[in-house]
Amino acid sequence: MRTNYYEILGIQENASIEEIKRAYKRLAKKFHPDVNAHDPLANERFKEIVHAYEALCDPHRQAAYFSASAEARPPDDERERAYLYMMMEMFMQRNPRGRR
């Protein structure tokens, strides 16, 4: 199942970049590991918040997030499976370590 970054930040999917930044700052202050040294779950929550913010703060990454959610359904025929495999192979050739 796909992670819902908007749900992690507690905002709606039509939120502006400014609203995303405000939500991130509010949650980052609340769950920062330095503030919550006694809570080991706060560090994990903080990592989720940072990852969600990084995915949504840039319009290009946000568009990729939406397109990935549209493509998350399983392929329904052999041609589509072959196409997805070919695209994965092309991506791995350009980015052998999966980095951008």
C-alpha atoms as a PDB file:
ATOM      1  CA  MET A   1       0.000   0.000   0.000  1.00  0.00           C
ATOM      2  CA  ARG A   2       1.236   3.475  -0.883  1.00  0.00           C
ATOM      3  CA  THR A   3       2.143   5.954   1.834  1.00  0.00           C
ATOM      4  CA  ASN A   4      -0.130   8.987   1.917  1.00  0.00           C
ATOM      5  CA  TYR A   5       2.201  11.951   2.423  1.00  0.00           C
ATOM      6  CA  TYR A   6      -0.693  14.359   2.793  1.00  0.00           C
ATOM      7  CA  GLU A   7      -2.068  12.288   5.651  1.00  0.00           C
ATOM      8  CA  ILE A   8       1.349  12.227   7.345  1.00  0.00           C
ATOM      9  CA  LEU A   9       1.501  16.031   7.229  1.00  0.00           C
ATOM     10  CA  GLY A  10      -2.171  16.365   8.181  1.00  0.00           C
ATOM     11  CA  ILE A  11      -3.156  18.436   5.143  1.00  0.00           C
ATOM     12  CA  GLN A  12      -5.536  18.106   2.209  1.00  0.00           C
ATOM     13  CA  GLU A  13      -4.398  16.996  -1.240  1.00  0.00           C
ATOM     14  CA  ASN A  14      -5.107  20.421  -2.700  1.00  0.00           C
ATOM     15  CA  ALA A  15      -2.821  22.164  -0.181  1.00  0.00           C
ATOM     16  CA  SER A  16      -0.531  24.891  -1.474  1.00  0.00           C
ATOM     17  CA  ILE A  17       3.243  24.826  -1.104  1.00  0.00           C
ATOM     18  CA  GLU A  18       2.952  27.359   1.739  1.00  0.00           C
ATOM     19  CA  GLU A  19       0.485  25.119   3.595  1.00  0.00           C
ATOM     20  CA  ILE A  20       2.804  22.150   3.111  1.00  0.00           C
ATOM     21  CA  LYS A  21       5.718  24.143   4.549  1.00  0.00           C
ATOM     22  CA  ARG A  22       3.665  25.321   7.541  1.00  0.00           C
ATOM     23  CA  ALA A  23       2.517  21.789   8.318  1.00  0.00           C
ATOM     24  CA  TYR A  24       6.084  20.500   8.011  1.00  0.00           C
ATOM     25  CA  LYS A  25       7.514  23.150  10.328  1.00  0.00           C
ATOM     26  CA  ARG A  26       4.802  22.559  12.921  1.00  0.00           C
ATOM     27  CA  LEU A  27       5.288  18.794  12.940  1.00  0.00           C
ATOM     28  CA  ALA A  28       9.086  18.964  12.725  1.00  0.00           C
ATOM     29  CA  LYS A  29       9.173  21.070  15.882  1.00  0.00           C
ATOM     30  CA  LYS A  30       6.819  18.680  17.638  1.00  0.00           C
ATOM     31  CA  PHE A  31       8.605  15.427  16.694  1.00  0.00           C
ATOM     32  CA  HIS A  32      12.237  16.539  16.395  1.00  0.00           C
ATOM     33  CA  PRO A  33      14.575  13.970  18.018  1.00  0.00           C
ATOM     34  CA  ASP A  34      16.370  16.647  20.040  1.00  0.00           C
ATOM     35  CA  VAL A  35      13.088  17.723  21.612  1.00  0.00           C
ATOM     36  CA  ASN A  36      11.896  14.129  22.147  1.00  0.00           C
ATOM     37  CA  ALA A  37      15.084  12.385  23.245  1.00  0.00           C
ATOM     38  CA  HIS A  38      13.058  10.163  25.584  1.00  0.00           C
ATOM     39  CA  ASP A  39      10.684   8.924  22.851  1.00  0.00           C
ATOM     40  CA  PRO A  40      12.218   6.472  20.325  1.00  0.00           C
ATOM     41  CA  LEU A  41       9.091   6.598  18.136  1.00  0.00           C
ATOM     42  CA  ALA A  42       9.463  10.350  17.662  1.00  0.00           C
ATOM     43  CA  ASN A  43      12.606   9.789  15.586  1.00  0.00           C
ATOM     44  CA  GLU A  44      10.736   7.459  13.217  1.00  0.00           C
ATOM     45  CA  ARG A  45       7.815   9.873  12.987  1.00  0.00           C
ATOM     46  CA  PHE A  46      10.247  12.725  12.266  1.00  0.00           C
ATOM     47  CA  LYS A  47      11.786  10.727   9.400  1.00  0.00           C
ATOM     48  CA  GLU A  48       8.328  10.138   7.910  1.00  0.00           C
ATOM     49  CA  ILE A  49       7.547  13.851   8.148  1.00  0.00           C
ATOM     50  CA  VAL A  50      10.817  14.838   6.447  1.00  0.00           C
ATOM     51  CA  HIS A  51      10.282  12.287   3.676  1.00  0.00           C
ATOM     52  CA  ALA A  52       6.724  13.494   3.087  1.00  0.00           C
ATOM     53  CA  TYR A  53       7.843  17.120   2.982  1.00  0.00           C
ATOM     54  CA  GLU A  54      10.639  16.376   0.514  1.00  0.00           C
ATOM     55  CA  ALA A  55       8.205  14.559  -1.764  1.00  0.00           C
ATOM     56  CA  LEU A  56       5.596  17.324  -1.699  1.00  0.00           C
ATOM     57  CA  CYS A  57       7.536  20.605  -1.434  1.00  0.00           C
ATOM     58  CA  ASP A  58       8.917  20.470  -4.982  1.00  0.00           C
ATOM     59  CA  PRO A  59       6.273  20.688  -7.746  1.00  0.00           C
ATOM     60  CA  HIS A  60       8.189  18.189  -9.917  1.00  0.00           C
ATOM     61  CA  ARG A  61       8.416  15.609  -7.119  1.00  0.00           C
ATOM     62  CA  GLN A  62       4.776  16.229  -6.269  1.00  0.00           C
ATOM     63  CA  ALA A  63       3.788  15.506  -9.881  1.00  0.00           C
ATOM     64  CA  ALA A  64       5.879  12.322  -9.802  1.00  0.00           C
ATOM     65  CA  TYR A  65       4.124  11.324  -6.573  1.00  0.00           C
ATOM     66  CA  PHE A  66       0.717  11.731  -8.224  1.00  0.00           C
ATOM     67  CA  SER A  67       1.753   9.875 -11.386  1.00  0.00           C
ATOM     68  CA  ALA A  68       3.210   7.029  -9.318  1.00  0.00           C
ATOM     69  CA  SER A  69      -0.086   6.682  -7.484  1.00  0.00           C
ATOM     70  CA  ALA A  70      -1.924   6.441 -10.792  1.00  0.00           C
ATOM     71  CA  GLU A  71       0.488   3.739 -11.980  1.00  0.00           C
ATOM     72  CA  ALA A  72       0.391   1.769  -8.729  1.00  0.00           C
ATOM     73  CA  ARG A  73      -2.308  -0.576 -10.002  1.00  0.00           C
ATOM     74  CA  PRO A  74      -1.152  -4.021 -11.130  1.00  0.00           C
ATOM     75  CA  PRO A  75      -0.743  -4.559 -14.885  1.00  0.00           C
ATOM     76  CA  ASP A  76      -3.743  -6.235 -16.452  1.00  0.00           C
ATOM     77  CA  ASP A  77      -2.203  -7.702 -19.593  1.00  0.00           C
ATOM     78  CA  GLU A  78       1.092  -9.061 -20.879  1.00  0.00           C
ATOM     79  CA  ARG A  79       1.906  -6.050 -23.104  1.00  0.00           C
ATOM     80  CA  GLU A  80       1.617  -3.648 -20.192  1.00  0.00           C
ATOM     81  CA  ARG A  81       3.804  -5.902 -18.043  1.00  0.00           C
ATOM     82  CA  ALA A  82       6.439  -5.973 -20.795  1.00  0.00           C
ATOM     83  CA  TYR A  83       6.311  -2.184 -21.113  1.00  0.00           C
ATOM     84  CA  LEU A  84       6.774  -1.703 -17.362  1.00  0.00           C
ATOM     85  CA  TYR A  85       9.695  -4.131 -17.361  1.00  0.00           C
ATOM     86  CA  MET A  86      11.320  -2.260 -20.267  1.00  0.00           C
ATOM     87  CA  MET A  87      10.890   1.076 -18.457  1.00  0.00           C
ATOM     88  CA  MET A  88      12.415  -0.384 -15.293  1.00  0.00           C
ATOM     89  CA  GLU A  89      15.404  -1.670 -17.277  1.00  0.00           C
ATOM     90  CA  MET A  90      15.920   1.767 -18.876  1.00  0.00           C
ATOM     91  CA  PHE A  91      15.750   3.442 -15.481  1.00  0.00           C
ATOM     92  CA  MET A  92      18.278   1.051 -13.965  1.00  0.00           C
ATOM     93  CA  GLN A  93      20.694   1.617 -16.853  1.00  0.00           C
ATOM     94  CA  ARG A  94      20.599   5.372 -16.303  1.00  0.00           C
ATOM     95  CA  ASN A  95      20.609   5.086 -12.501  1.00  0.00           C
ATOM     96  CA  PRO A  96      22.359   1.855 -11.535  1.00  0.00           C
ATOM     97  CA  ARG A  97      21.988   2.599  -7.838  1.00  0.00           C
ATOM     98  CA  GLY A  98      18.429   3.910  -8.101  1.00  0.00           C
ATOM     99  CA  ARG A  99      19.491   7.479  -7.443  1.00  0.00           C
ATOM    100  CA  ARG A 100      18.308  10.580  -9.237  1.00  0.00           C
END
